[in-house]
C-alpha atoms as a PDB file:
ATOM      1  CA  MET A   1      17.620 -11.322 -13.905  1.00  0.00           C
ATOM      2  CA  SER A   2      14.086 -11.490 -13.631  1.00  0.00           C
ATOM      3  CA  ARG A   3      12.044  -9.164 -11.297  1.00  0.00           C
ATOM      4  CA  ASN A   4       9.091 -10.018  -9.362  1.00  0.00           C
ATOM      5  CA  ILE A   5       6.208  -8.418 -11.377  1.00  0.00           C
ATOM      6  CA  PHE A   6       3.659  -8.896  -8.099  1.00  0.00           C
ATOM      7  CA  LEU A   7       5.884  -6.529  -5.984  1.00  0.00           C
ATOM      8  CA  ILE A   8       6.251  -3.904  -8.819  1.00  0.00           C
ATOM      9  CA  VAL A   9       2.232  -3.961  -9.275  1.00  0.00           C
ATOM     10  CA  ALA A  10       1.597  -4.040  -5.635  1.00  0.00           C
ATOM     11  CA  GLY A  11       4.178  -0.822  -5.156  1.00  0.00           C
ATOM     12  CA  LEU A  12       2.486   0.934  -8.491  1.00  0.00           C
ATOM     13  CA  CYS A  13      -1.155   0.270  -6.682  1.00  0.00           C
ATOM     14  CA  ALA A  14      -0.048   1.661  -3.594  1.00  0.00           C
ATOM     15  CA  ILE A  15       1.251   4.857  -5.157  1.00  0.00           C
ATOM     16  CA  VAL A  16      -1.977   4.988  -6.903  1.00  0.00           C
ATOM     17  CA  VAL A  17      -3.705   4.702  -3.668  1.00  0.00           C
ATOM     18  CA  ALA A  18      -1.651   7.176  -2.016  1.00  0.00           C
ATOM     19  CA  ILE A  19      -2.542   9.798  -4.959  1.00  0.00           C
ATOM     20  CA  TYR A  20      -6.141   8.837  -4.601  1.00  0.00           C
ATOM     21  CA  HIS A  21      -6.377   9.140  -0.934  1.00  0.00           C
ATOM     22  CA  GLY A  22      -4.702  12.424  -1.044  1.00  0.00           C
ATOM     23  CA  ILE A  23      -6.976  14.196  -3.606  1.00  0.00           C
ATOM     24  CA  GLU A  24      -9.888  12.628  -2.228  1.00  0.00           C
ATOM     25  CA  GLY A  25      -9.168  13.291   1.284  1.00  0.00           C
ATOM     26  CA  ASP A  26      -8.425  16.860   0.620  1.00  0.00           C
ATOM     27  CA  ALA A  27     -11.787  17.066  -1.288  1.00  0.00           C
ATOM     28  CA  ILE A  28     -13.831  15.423   1.639  1.00  0.00           C
ATOM     29  CA  VAL A  29     -12.367  17.865   4.197  1.00  0.00           C
ATOM     30  CA  GLN A  30     -12.866  21.055   2.105  1.00  0.00           C
ATOM     31  CA  GLY A  31     -16.940  20.054   1.725  1.00  0.00           C
ATOM     32  CA  LEU A  32     -17.206  19.406   5.289  1.00  0.00           C
ATOM     33  CA  ASN A  33     -17.043  23.464   5.674  1.00  0.00           C
ATOM     34  CA  ILE A  34     -15.106  22.866   9.112  1.00  0.00           C
ATOM     35  CA  GLN A  35     -14.858  25.858  11.660  1.00  0.00           C
ATOM     36  CA  PRO A  36     -12.502  27.329  12.628  1.00  0.00           C
ATOM     37  CA  ALA A  37     -10.308  27.144  10.137  1.00  0.00           C
ATOM     38  CA  GLU A  38      -7.616  26.331  12.002  1.00  0.00           C
ATOM     39  CA  SER A  39      -9.251  22.610  12.572  1.00  0.00           C
ATOM     40  CA  ALA A  40      -9.884  22.320   8.807  1.00  0.00           C
ATOM     41  CA  ALA A  41      -6.238  22.933   8.201  1.00  0.00           C
ATOM     42  CA  LEU A  42      -5.569  20.120  11.213  1.00  0.00           C
ATOM     43  CA  MET A  43      -7.607  17.456   9.500  1.00  0.00           C
ATOM     44  CA  ARG A  44      -6.220  18.279   6.091  1.00  0.00           C
ATOM     45  CA  GLY A  45      -2.792  17.882   7.439  1.00  0.00           C
ATOM     46  CA  SER A  46      -3.674  14.594   8.902  1.00  0.00           C
ATOM     47  CA  PHE A  47      -4.869  13.330   5.389  1.00  0.00           C
ATOM     48  CA  HIS A  48      -1.914  14.433   3.752  1.00  0.00           C
ATOM     49  CA  ILE A  49       0.384  12.782   6.278  1.00  0.00           C
ATOM     50  CA  GLY A  50      -1.595   9.503   5.879  1.00  0.00           C
ATOM     51  CA  THR A  51      -0.901  10.152   2.090  1.00  0.00           C
ATOM     52  CA  MET A  52       2.520  10.307   2.560  1.00  0.00           C
ATOM     53  CA  GLY A  53       2.920   7.176   4.321  1.00  0.00           C
ATOM     54  CA  TRP A  54       0.836   5.330   1.549  1.00  0.00           C
ATOM     55  CA  LEU A  55       3.282   6.940  -1.012  1.00  0.00           C
ATOM     56  CA  VAL A  56       6.473   5.758   0.833  1.00  0.00           C
ATOM     57  CA  GLY A  57       5.163   2.635   1.158  1.00  0.00           C
ATOM     58  CA  GLY A  58       4.782   2.323  -2.342  1.00  0.00           C
ATOM     59  CA  ILE A  59       8.039   3.299  -3.100  1.00  0.00           C
ATOM     60  CA  VAL A  60       9.697   0.823  -0.553  1.00  0.00           C
ATOM     61  CA  ILE A  61       7.824  -1.866  -2.160  1.00  0.00           C
ATOM     62  CA  LEU A  62       8.589  -1.076  -5.564  1.00  0.00           C
ATOM     63  CA  PHE A  63      12.451  -0.950  -4.561  1.00  0.00           C
ATOM     64  CA  ALA A  64      12.324  -4.032  -2.418  1.00  0.00           C
ATOM     65  CA  SER A  65      11.364  -6.034  -5.989  1.00  0.00           C
ATOM     66  CA  PHE A  66      15.127  -5.041  -7.033  1.00  0.00           C
ATOM     67  CA  LEU A  67      16.397  -6.237  -3.493  1.00  0.00           C
ATOM     68  CA  GLU A  68      18.999  -8.919  -3.774  1.00  0.00           C
ATOM     69  CA  ALA A  69      18.892  -9.972  -0.381  1.00  0.00           C
ATOM     70  CA  SER A  70      16.012 -12.305   0.811  1.00  0.00           C
ATOM     71  CA  TRP A  71      15.532 -11.595   4.304  1.00  0.00           C
ATOM     72  CA  PRO A  72      15.532  -7.581   4.133  1.00  0.00           C
ATOM     73  CA  ARG A  73      12.976  -8.158   1.429  1.00  0.00           C
ATOM     74  CA  ASN A  74      10.883 -10.390   3.190  1.00  0.00           C
ATOM     75  CA  ALA A  75      11.236  -8.302   6.333  1.00  0.00           C
ATOM     76  CA  ILE A  76       9.732  -5.069   4.282  1.00  0.00           C
ATOM     77  CA  LEU A  77       7.099  -7.228   2.731  1.00  0.00           C
ATOM     78  CA  ILE A  78       5.611  -8.917   5.835  1.00  0.00           C
ATOM     79  CA  ALA A  79       5.577  -5.558   7.094  1.00  0.00           C
ATOM     80  CA  TYR A  80       3.784  -3.542   4.681  1.00  0.00           C
ATOM     81  CA  THR A  81       1.376  -6.652   4.191  1.00  0.00           C
ATOM     82  CA  VAL A  82       0.256  -5.908   7.579  1.00  0.00           C
ATOM     83  CA  LEU A  83       0.658  -1.931   7.129  1.00  0.00           C
ATOM     84  CA  PHE A  84      -1.696  -2.306   4.176  1.00  0.00           C
ATOM     85  CA  GLY A  85      -3.834  -5.121   5.376  1.00  0.00           C
ATOM     86  CA  ILE A  86      -5.255  -3.760   8.284  1.00  0.00           C
ATOM     87  CA  PRO A  87      -6.647  -0.927   6.669  1.00  0.00           C
ATOM     88  CA  ALA A  88      -8.003  -3.176   4.021  1.00  0.00           C
ATOM     89  CA  PHE A  89      -9.666  -5.555   6.811  1.00  0.00           C
ATOM     90  CA  SER A  90     -11.291  -2.542   8.221  1.00  0.00           C
ATOM     91  CA  LEU A  91     -12.721  -1.275   4.833  1.00  0.00           C
ATOM     92  CA  VAL A  92     -14.284  -4.985   4.233  1.00  0.00           C
ATOM     93  CA  VAL A  93     -15.874  -4.817   7.594  1.00  0.00           C
ATOM     94  CA  MET A  94     -16.837  -1.388   7.805  1.00  0.00           C
ATOM     95  CA  GLY A  95     -18.514  -1.206   4.002  1.00  0.00           C
ATOM     96  CA  GLN A  96     -20.292  -4.750   4.876  1.00  0.00           C
ATOM     97  CA  GLY A  97     -18.358  -6.002   1.711  1.00  0.00           C
ATOM     98  CA  GLN A  98     -19.541  -3.729  -0.446  1.00  0.00           C
ATOM     99  CA  PRO A  99     -16.566  -2.794  -2.844  1.00  0.00           C
ATOM    100  CA  ASN A 100     -15.264   0.676  -3.458  1.00  0.00           C
ATOM    101  CA  PHE A 101     -11.748   1.846  -5.059  1.00  0.00           C
ATOM    102  CA  GLY A 102      -9.916   2.277  -1.513  1.00  0.00           C
ATOM    103  CA  MET A 103     -10.861  -1.308  -0.695  1.00  0.00           C
ATOM    104  CA  VAL A 104     -10.246  -3.040  -4.044  1.00  0.00           C
ATOM    105  CA  MET A 105      -6.755  -1.214  -4.644  1.00  0.00           C
ATOM    106  CA  LEU A 106      -5.840  -2.104  -0.419  1.00  0.00           C
ATOM    107  CA  LEU A 107      -6.500  -5.552  -1.315  1.00  0.00           C
ATOM    108  CA  LEU A 108      -5.173  -6.010  -4.669  1.00  0.00           C
ATOM    109  CA  ILE A 109      -1.742  -4.734  -3.174  1.00  0.00           C
ATOM    110  CA  VAL A 110      -2.132  -6.938  -0.178  1.00  0.00           C
ATOM    111  CA  VAL A 111      -2.518  -9.972  -2.767  1.00  0.00           C
ATOM    112  CA  GLY A 112       0.112  -8.756  -4.665  1.00  0.00           C
ATOM    113  CA  LEU A 113       2.575  -8.799  -1.765  1.00  0.00           C
ATOM    114  CA  ILE A 114       1.468 -12.109  -0.504  1.00  0.00           C
ATOM    115  CA  ALA A 115       2.101 -13.776  -3.902  1.00  0.00           C
ATOM    116  CA  GLY A 116       5.378 -11.766  -4.301  1.00  0.00           C
ATOM    117  CA  LEU A 117       6.752 -13.461  -1.161  1.00  0.00           C
ATOM    118  CA  ILE A 118       5.638 -17.034  -2.404  1.00  0.00           C
ATOM    119  CA  VAL A 119       6.934 -16.495  -5.593  1.00  0.00           C
ATOM    120  CA  ASP A 120      10.342 -15.578  -3.682  1.00  0.00           C
ATOM    121  CA  ARG A 121      10.097 -18.443  -1.501  1.00  0.00           C
ATOM    122  CA  ARG A 122       9.541 -20.855  -4.514  1.00  0.00           C
ATOM    123  CA  ARG A 123      12.636 -19.271  -6.250  1.00  0.00           C
ATOM    124  CA  SER A 124      14.817 -19.754  -3.252  1.00  0.00           C
ATOM    125  CA  ASN A 125      13.586 -23.369  -2.556  1.00  0.00           C
ATOM    126  CA  SER A 126      14.428 -24.039  -6.410  1.00  0.00           C
ATOM    127  CA  GLY A 127      17.921 -22.876  -6.101  1.00  0.00           C
ATOM    128  CA  ASN A 128      17.565 -19.983  -8.585  1.00  0.00           C
ATOM    129  CA  LEU A 129      19.014 -17.254  -6.771  1.00  0.00           C
ATOM    130  CA  ALA A 130      17.976 -14.671  -9.625  1.00  0.00           C
ATOM    131  CA  VAL A 131      15.976 -12.087  -8.084  1.00  0.00           C
END
């Protein structure tokens, strides 16, 4: 059985983005020296909630590459394409096209998801049922 390498790479990139988001976000919040301490804790918590969302997204994308049924896999991939695509687009706009690590990784994830959907579509149209 062949696996969709684009989805595996996109899932692994999403996990890397999650780890980077958690470490970098925590360092940024600590560097701001926010007072009172409760506000800083709330900001750190919100960064880590986002980090968990990215991490779960990466894991779901990774396991989607192993799904046999095409419509649940496609639904997952379309949803995560939007989920990762919106922040990627906003980083492109806000950064005025200047590349940074987060932008490149998010765009790589989106391209990997779209390529994975195209590969799956071509496999199903060619009659190859191997996923």
